[in-house]
Amino acid sequence: MTPPDLSALEGWLNLDRRQMLGGLLATGAITAAPGWASSTSPTHSLGDHDMAFFTTKDGTQIFYKDWGPKEAQPIVFHHGWPLSADDWDAQMLFFLDHGFRVVAHDRRGHGRSTQTDTGNDMDTYVADVIEFTDHLDLKNAVHIGHSTGGGEAARYAAQAKLGRVAKAVLVGAIPPIMVKSDKNPHGTPMAVFDGFRSALTANRAQFYLDVASGPFYGFNREGAKVYPGTIQNWWRQGMIGGAKAHYDCIAVFSETDFTEDLKRITVPTIVMHGDDDQVVPIADAAELSIKLLQHGELKVYKGYPHGMLTTHADVLNPDLLAFIKA
């Protein structure tokens, strides 16, 4: 068997193995922490309450969290690839403490939702969100999306029924489109995404560890403070999801064109992006998206990485609150 060509991916990862050594040792070779297994079980119960699932029309079970007073304004969180609703813990706890109703779901094929081998495309993802938010009857909601979830939030905001969406937030988001083409000459080359696919197929566990240890949080930058627990949590979320769905989603986040979606969004929208985002470079994302939005605001964070909602939650959360309350 010919080994996969990962040269483009290795250049993108830009890993400093010596810098990561302490973090990797601290993971204990990624030994599962107590309680992980129970968190993935679709039949797990907490007291008299089962974990919350919503079943879509095609039978897919979508796991979700719905915390806070039901009469409060809802904030709906859309996670990135290949993560889950757990990636929003810092935001959900913050906004719950400020009196909001906070809702987050695991996209199909991700986290605790059904590991689907079909329907792993942006239109189906958004159709699931429409069904799900209609089921919960969420009105006047703020939709916040990160990375791939930013594309999902944008397309949902462009299609949602009147009164469903109050504001939208796109953080380190993939719109308008990531992949390089004649129409998008400054995009990310397809070879990088082909490298994603090869690495996921060859050794998904190691690939996810490399992404979390390197470019996602900027831990590959000189002088970066590395948080082993953050790496481990990213890896944990990724490995809970389905390999087929994650493989399919690489094409979704790299090749989906959100240009028309951005143009159709009528609610106030803030685009938040770190200028050291190595995963979704700002010049081909936020700086183009803001030109397409009807009521858009761009906020750039100097030196912040793609995963800034985790590494800099102390800065991002108050900024999100100020936008929501404005």
Protein backbone atom coordinates (compact mmCIF):
# COMPACT_ATOMS: atom_id res chain seq x y z
CA MET A 1 0.00 0.00 0.00
CA THR A 2 1.31 3.46 -0.91
CA PRO A 3 1.41 5.77 2.13
CA PRO A 4 -0.88 8.83 1.82
CA ASP A 5 0.76 12.07 0.75
CA LEU A 6 0.48 14.30 3.82
CA SER A 7 3.06 16.91 2.81
CA ALA A 8 0.53 19.73 2.36
CA LEU A 9 -1.14 18.86 5.65
CA GLU A 10 2.14 18.70 7.56
CA GLY A 11 3.00 22.18 6.34
CA TRP A 12 -0.39 23.44 7.46
CA LEU A 13 -0.13 21.81 10.88
CA ASN A 14 3.28 23.43 11.44
CA LEU A 15 3.80 21.36 14.57
CA ASP A 16 6.66 21.96 16.98
CA ARG A 17 7.09 18.52 18.54
CA ARG A 18 9.35 19.71 21.33
CA GLN A 19 6.85 22.37 22.36
CA MET A 20 4.07 19.79 22.46
CA LEU A 21 6.00 17.20 24.47
CA GLY A 22 4.80 18.38 27.86
CA GLY A 23 1.19 18.44 26.70
CA LEU A 24 1.36 14.98 25.16
CA LEU A 25 2.91 13.47 28.28
CA ALA A 26 0.20 15.06 30.39
CA THR A 27 -2.47 13.36 28.33
CA GLY A 28 -1.26 9.98 29.51
CA ALA A 29 -1.42 8.66 25.95
CA ILE A 30 -4.99 9.96 25.87
CA THR A 31 -6.28 7.71 28.59
CA ALA A 32 -10.02 8.17 28.95
CA ALA A 33 -11.06 10.06 32.05
CA PRO A 34 -13.69 8.54 34.35
CA GLY A 35 -17.19 9.22 33.11
CA TRP A 36 -16.38 9.61 29.42
CA ALA A 37 -18.09 6.39 28.42
CA SER A 38 -21.33 7.29 30.13
CA SER A 39 -21.45 10.68 28.39
CA THR A 40 -21.75 9.01 25.00
CA SER A 41 -24.59 6.65 25.86
CA PRO A 42 -27.95 7.52 24.24
CA THR A 43 -29.78 5.85 27.11
CA HIS A 44 -27.88 7.53 29.94
CA SER A 45 -30.20 8.90 32.61
CA LEU A 46 -29.72 11.65 35.16
CA GLY A 47 -32.13 11.02 38.00
CA ASP A 48 -35.64 10.96 36.55
CA HIS A 49 -34.60 12.72 33.33
CA ASP A 50 -33.17 11.13 30.19
CA MET A 51 -30.56 12.99 28.18
CA ALA A 52 -32.36 15.18 25.64
CA PHE A 53 -32.68 14.00 22.04
CA PHE A 54 -34.73 15.28 19.14
CA THR A 55 -35.57 12.90 16.28
CA THR A 56 -35.61 14.39 12.80
CA LYS A 57 -37.97 13.37 10.01
CA ASP A 58 -35.40 10.92 8.63
CA GLY A 59 -34.95 9.26 12.02
CA THR A 60 -31.67 10.90 13.03
CA GLN A 61 -31.37 11.50 16.77
CA ILE A 62 -29.94 14.93 17.59
CA PHE A 63 -28.54 15.35 21.08
CA TYR A 64 -29.02 18.77 22.65
CA LYS A 65 -28.69 20.82 25.82
CA ASP A 66 -31.40 23.29 26.79
CA TRP A 67 -30.61 25.18 29.98
CA GLY A 68 -32.18 28.16 31.70
CA PRO A 69 -35.64 29.72 31.98
CA LYS A 70 -37.82 28.86 29.01
CA GLU A 71 -39.28 32.37 28.94
CA ALA A 72 -35.83 33.99 28.60
CA GLN A 73 -34.30 35.03 25.28
CA PRO A 74 -32.64 31.98 23.74
CA ILE A 75 -29.07 31.80 22.49
CA VAL A 76 -28.42 28.92 20.10
CA PHE A 77 -24.85 27.70 19.63
CA HIS A 78 -23.55 25.95 16.49
CA HIS A 79 -20.26 24.06 16.97
CA GLY A 80 -17.31 23.54 14.66
CA TRP A 81 -15.87 20.41 13.05
CA PRO A 82 -15.39 17.74 14.39
CA LEU A 83 -16.62 18.82 17.81
CA SER A 84 -19.88 18.87 19.76
CA ALA A 85 -22.09 21.04 21.94
CA ASP A 86 -19.49 20.60 24.70
CA ASP A 87 -17.21 23.04 22.91
CA TRP A 88 -19.57 25.81 24.06
CA ASP A 89 -19.29 25.09 27.81
CA ALA A 90 -17.58 28.40 28.61
CA GLN A 91 -20.22 30.37 26.72
CA MET A 92 -23.25 28.40 27.93
CA LEU A 93 -22.30 28.78 31.59
CA PHE A 94 -21.55 32.49 31.10
CA PHE A 95 -24.85 33.32 29.41
CA LEU A 96 -26.85 31.07 31.73
CA ASP A 97 -25.45 33.13 34.60
CA HIS A 98 -26.68 36.27 32.79
CA GLY A 99 -30.26 35.03 32.63
CA PHE A 100 -30.44 33.67 29.08
CA ARG A 101 -31.84 30.38 27.85
CA VAL A 102 -28.90 28.56 26.25
CA VAL A 103 -29.30 25.80 23.67
CA ALA A 104 -26.65 23.75 21.86
CA HIS A 105 -26.88 20.59 19.80
CA ASP A 106 -24.51 17.96 18.46
CA ARG A 107 -24.72 18.13 14.66
CA ARG A 108 -25.70 14.83 13.01
CA GLY A 109 -22.70 12.52 12.89
CA HIS A 110 -21.00 14.50 15.65
CA GLY A 111 -20.87 14.05 19.42
CA ARG A 112 -23.74 12.03 20.83
CA SER A 113 -26.04 12.38 17.81
CA THR A 114 -26.61 9.51 15.38
CA GLN A 115 -23.46 8.57 13.46
CA THR A 116 -25.12 9.01 10.09
CA ASP A 117 -23.51 7.89 6.85
CA THR A 118 -25.93 10.03 4.82
CA GLY A 119 -27.15 13.61 5.04
CA ASN A 120 -23.73 14.97 5.93
CA ASP A 121 -24.13 18.17 3.92
CA MET A 122 -24.88 21.77 4.86
CA ASP A 123 -28.44 21.79 3.56
CA THR A 124 -29.31 18.78 5.71
CA TYR A 125 -27.50 20.22 8.73
CA VAL A 126 -29.61 23.37 8.45
CA ALA A 127 -32.81 21.41 7.82
CA ASP A 128 -32.09 19.60 11.10
CA VAL A 129 -31.68 22.95 12.87
CA ILE A 130 -34.94 24.24 11.42
CA GLU A 131 -36.80 21.15 12.63
CA PHE A 132 -35.08 21.30 16.01
CA THR A 133 -35.68 25.01 16.68
CA ASP A 134 -39.28 24.74 15.49
CA HIS A 135 -39.74 21.81 17.89
CA LEU A 136 -38.48 23.93 20.79
CA ASP A 137 -40.38 26.94 19.40
CA LEU A 138 -37.35 29.20 19.77
CA LYS A 139 -38.20 32.79 18.89
CA ASN A 140 -36.17 36.01 18.90
CA ALA A 141 -33.07 33.86 19.28
CA VAL A 142 -29.44 34.85 18.89
CA HIS A 143 -27.59 32.27 16.77
CA ILE A 144 -23.85 32.00 17.39
CA GLY A 145 -21.73 29.81 15.15
CA HIS A 146 -18.05 28.95 15.23
CA SER A 147 -16.08 27.73 12.21
CA THR A 148 -18.29 25.17 10.38
CA GLY A 149 -21.03 26.15 12.80
CA GLY A 150 -20.67 29.71 11.54
CA GLY A 151 -21.70 28.50 8.10
CA GLU A 152 -24.61 26.61 9.63
CA ALA A 153 -25.73 29.66 11.60
CA ALA A 154 -25.45 31.90 8.53
CA ARG A 155 -27.53 29.61 6.32
CA TYR A 156 -30.11 29.15 9.09
CA ALA A 157 -30.38 32.92 9.63
CA ALA A 158 -30.87 33.37 5.88
CA GLN A 159 -33.71 30.82 5.78
CA ALA A 160 -35.40 31.06 9.18
CA LYS A 161 -39.01 32.09 9.57
CA LEU A 162 -39.76 35.68 10.50
CA GLY A 163 -39.30 36.23 14.23
CA ARG A 164 -37.08 33.21 14.81
CA VAL A 165 -33.74 35.07 14.66
CA ALA A 166 -32.95 38.33 16.43
CA LYS A 167 -29.20 38.51 15.75
CA ALA A 168 -26.40 36.36 14.36
CA VAL A 169 -22.77 35.94 15.36
CA LEU A 170 -20.09 34.36 13.16
CA VAL A 171 -16.87 33.52 15.03
CA GLY A 172 -13.84 32.27 13.11
CA ALA A 173 -16.43 31.23 10.57
CA ILE A 174 -15.96 29.52 7.20
CA PRO A 175 -18.12 31.84 5.00
CA PRO A 176 -18.06 32.89 2.26
CA ILE A 177 -16.08 29.83 1.03
CA MET A 178 -12.75 28.32 2.05
CA VAL A 179 -11.34 26.37 -0.90
CA LYS A 180 -9.12 28.05 -3.48
CA SER A 181 -10.56 28.36 -7.00
CA ASP A 182 -10.58 30.72 -9.94
CA LYS A 183 -13.38 32.64 -8.23
CA ASN A 184 -11.63 32.49 -4.84
CA PRO A 185 -7.91 32.82 -5.69
CA HIS A 186 -6.77 33.49 -2.13
CA GLY A 187 -8.50 30.50 -0.60
CA THR A 188 -6.94 27.41 0.98
CA PRO A 189 -5.63 24.94 -1.66
CA MET A 190 -7.60 21.73 -2.15
CA ALA A 191 -4.41 19.79 -1.37
CA VAL A 192 -4.76 20.79 2.29
CA PHE A 193 -8.29 19.41 2.49
CA ASP A 194 -7.22 16.27 0.62
CA GLY A 195 -4.56 15.97 3.32
CA PHE A 196 -7.29 16.19 5.95
CA ARG A 197 -9.10 13.29 4.30
CA SER A 198 -5.96 11.18 3.99
CA ALA A 199 -4.93 11.81 7.59
CA LEU A 200 -8.41 11.08 8.93
CA THR A 201 -8.52 7.80 7.01
CA ALA A 202 -4.99 6.78 7.98
CA ASN A 203 -5.13 7.60 11.71
CA ARG A 204 -8.00 9.76 12.87
CA ALA A 205 -6.91 9.73 16.52
CA GLN A 206 -3.43 11.05 15.75
CA PHE A 207 -4.73 13.58 13.24
CA TYR A 208 -7.13 15.05 15.78
CA LEU A 209 -4.38 15.22 18.38
CA ASP A 210 -2.12 17.05 15.92
CA VAL A 211 -4.80 19.61 15.00
CA ALA A 212 -5.65 20.37 18.62
CA SER A 213 -1.97 20.48 19.64
CA GLY A 214 -1.06 22.81 16.81
CA PRO A 215 -2.96 25.30 14.65
CA PHE A 216 -6.45 25.13 16.16
CA TYR A 217 -5.49 26.93 19.38
CA GLY A 218 -2.24 28.43 18.15
CA PHE A 219 -0.27 26.12 20.41
CA ASN A 220 2.33 25.80 17.63
CA ARG A 221 3.26 29.48 17.95
CA GLU A 222 6.49 30.41 19.70
CA GLY A 223 5.84 31.32 23.31
CA ALA A 224 2.29 29.97 23.34
CA LYS A 225 1.00 28.68 26.66
CA VAL A 226 -0.18 25.13 25.97
CA TYR A 227 -3.14 23.70 27.90
CA PRO A 228 -3.03 19.87 27.80
CA GLY A 229 -6.60 19.65 29.10
CA THR A 230 -7.84 21.76 26.20
CA ILE A 231 -6.06 19.48 23.73
CA GLN A 232 -7.49 16.42 25.42
CA ASN A 233 -11.02 17.84 25.45
CA TRP A 234 -10.86 18.64 21.72
CA TRP A 235 -9.63 15.10 21.04
CA ARG A 236 -12.36 13.62 23.24
CA GLN A 237 -15.12 15.48 21.42
CA GLY A 238 -13.76 14.55 18.01
CA MET A 239 -13.37 10.86 18.73
CA ILE A 240 -16.93 10.54 20.06
CA GLY A 241 -18.30 11.48 16.63
CA GLY A 242 -18.56 9.31 13.52
CA ALA A 243 -15.59 8.93 11.16
CA LYS A 244 -17.79 8.82 8.04
CA ALA A 245 -19.67 11.98 8.97
CA HIS A 246 -16.43 13.77 9.82
CA TYR A 247 -14.88 12.69 6.52
CA ASP A 248 -17.89 13.97 4.57
CA CYS A 249 -17.92 17.22 6.53
CA ILE A 250 -14.45 18.15 5.25
CA ALA A 251 -16.01 18.83 1.86
CA VAL A 252 -18.89 20.64 3.56
CA PHE A 253 -16.74 23.15 5.42
CA SER A 254 -14.26 23.66 2.60
CA GLU A 255 -16.46 23.74 -0.51
CA THR A 256 -19.84 25.14 0.55
CA ASP A 257 -20.46 28.62 -0.85
CA PHE A 258 -22.31 30.91 1.58
CA THR A 259 -22.18 34.06 -0.56
CA GLU A 260 -25.91 34.22 -1.21
CA ASP A 261 -26.74 33.26 2.38
CA LEU A 262 -24.75 36.20 3.72
CA LYS A 263 -26.53 38.56 1.34
CA ARG A 264 -29.95 37.34 2.53
CA ILE A 265 -29.37 37.79 6.27
CA THR A 266 -31.46 40.76 7.40
CA VAL A 267 -30.74 40.79 11.15
CA PRO A 268 -27.77 42.51 12.82
CA THR A 269 -24.72 40.28 12.48
CA ILE A 270 -21.28 40.52 14.03
CA VAL A 271 -18.28 38.78 12.49
CA MET A 272 -15.54 38.05 15.05
CA HIS A 273 -12.19 36.71 13.89
CA GLY A 274 -8.64 36.35 15.15
CA ASP A 275 -6.00 37.72 12.80
CA ASP A 276 -3.75 34.75 13.61
CA ASP A 277 -6.41 32.17 12.69
CA GLN A 278 -4.42 29.40 10.97
CA VAL A 279 -7.48 27.26 10.23
CA VAL A 280 -9.80 29.81 8.62
CA PRO A 281 -7.54 32.70 7.52
CA ILE A 282 -9.21 36.05 8.14
CA ALA A 283 -8.44 37.56 4.73
CA ASP A 284 -10.47 34.93 2.91
CA ALA A 285 -13.27 34.74 5.47
CA ALA A 286 -14.31 37.57 7.79
CA GLU A 287 -12.87 40.32 5.61
CA LEU A 288 -14.96 39.08 2.68
CA SER A 289 -18.08 38.19 4.67
CA ILE A 290 -18.45 41.66 6.10
CA LYS A 291 -18.76 43.07 2.57
CA LEU A 292 -21.78 40.85 1.87
CA LEU A 293 -23.84 41.42 5.02
CA GLN A 294 -26.66 43.95 5.07
CA HIS A 295 -26.20 44.87 8.74
CA GLY A 296 -22.73 43.60 9.57
CA GLU A 297 -20.05 44.55 12.06
CA LEU A 298 -16.48 43.22 11.99
CA LYS A 299 -14.42 42.79 15.16
CA VAL A 300 -10.83 41.62 14.73
CA TYR A 301 -8.79 40.13 17.60
CA LYS A 302 -5.06 40.73 17.20
CA GLY A 303 -3.00 37.58 17.60
CA TYR A 304 -5.96 35.36 18.50
CA PRO A 305 -6.23 31.80 17.11
CA HIS A 306 -9.10 29.86 15.57
CA GLY A 307 -10.12 28.40 18.94
CA MET A 308 -10.24 31.80 20.65
CA LEU A 309 -13.65 31.13 22.19
CA THR A 310 -11.82 28.69 24.48
CA THR A 311 -8.40 30.28 24.87
CA HIS A 312 -9.80 33.81 25.29
CA ALA A 313 -13.31 33.23 26.63
CA ASP A 314 -12.69 35.97 29.21
CA VAL A 315 -12.52 38.49 26.34
CA LEU A 316 -14.96 37.01 23.86
CA ASN A 317 -17.84 36.38 26.25
CA PRO A 318 -18.24 40.00 27.40
CA ASP A 319 -18.00 41.16 23.78
CA LEU A 320 -20.75 38.72 22.79
CA LEU A 321 -22.91 39.94 25.66
CA ALA A 322 -22.41 43.58 24.65
CA PHE A 323 -23.48 42.81 21.06
CA ILE A 324 -26.54 40.86 22.18
CA LYS A 325 -27.66 43.61 24.57
CA ALA A 326 -26.98 46.49 22.17
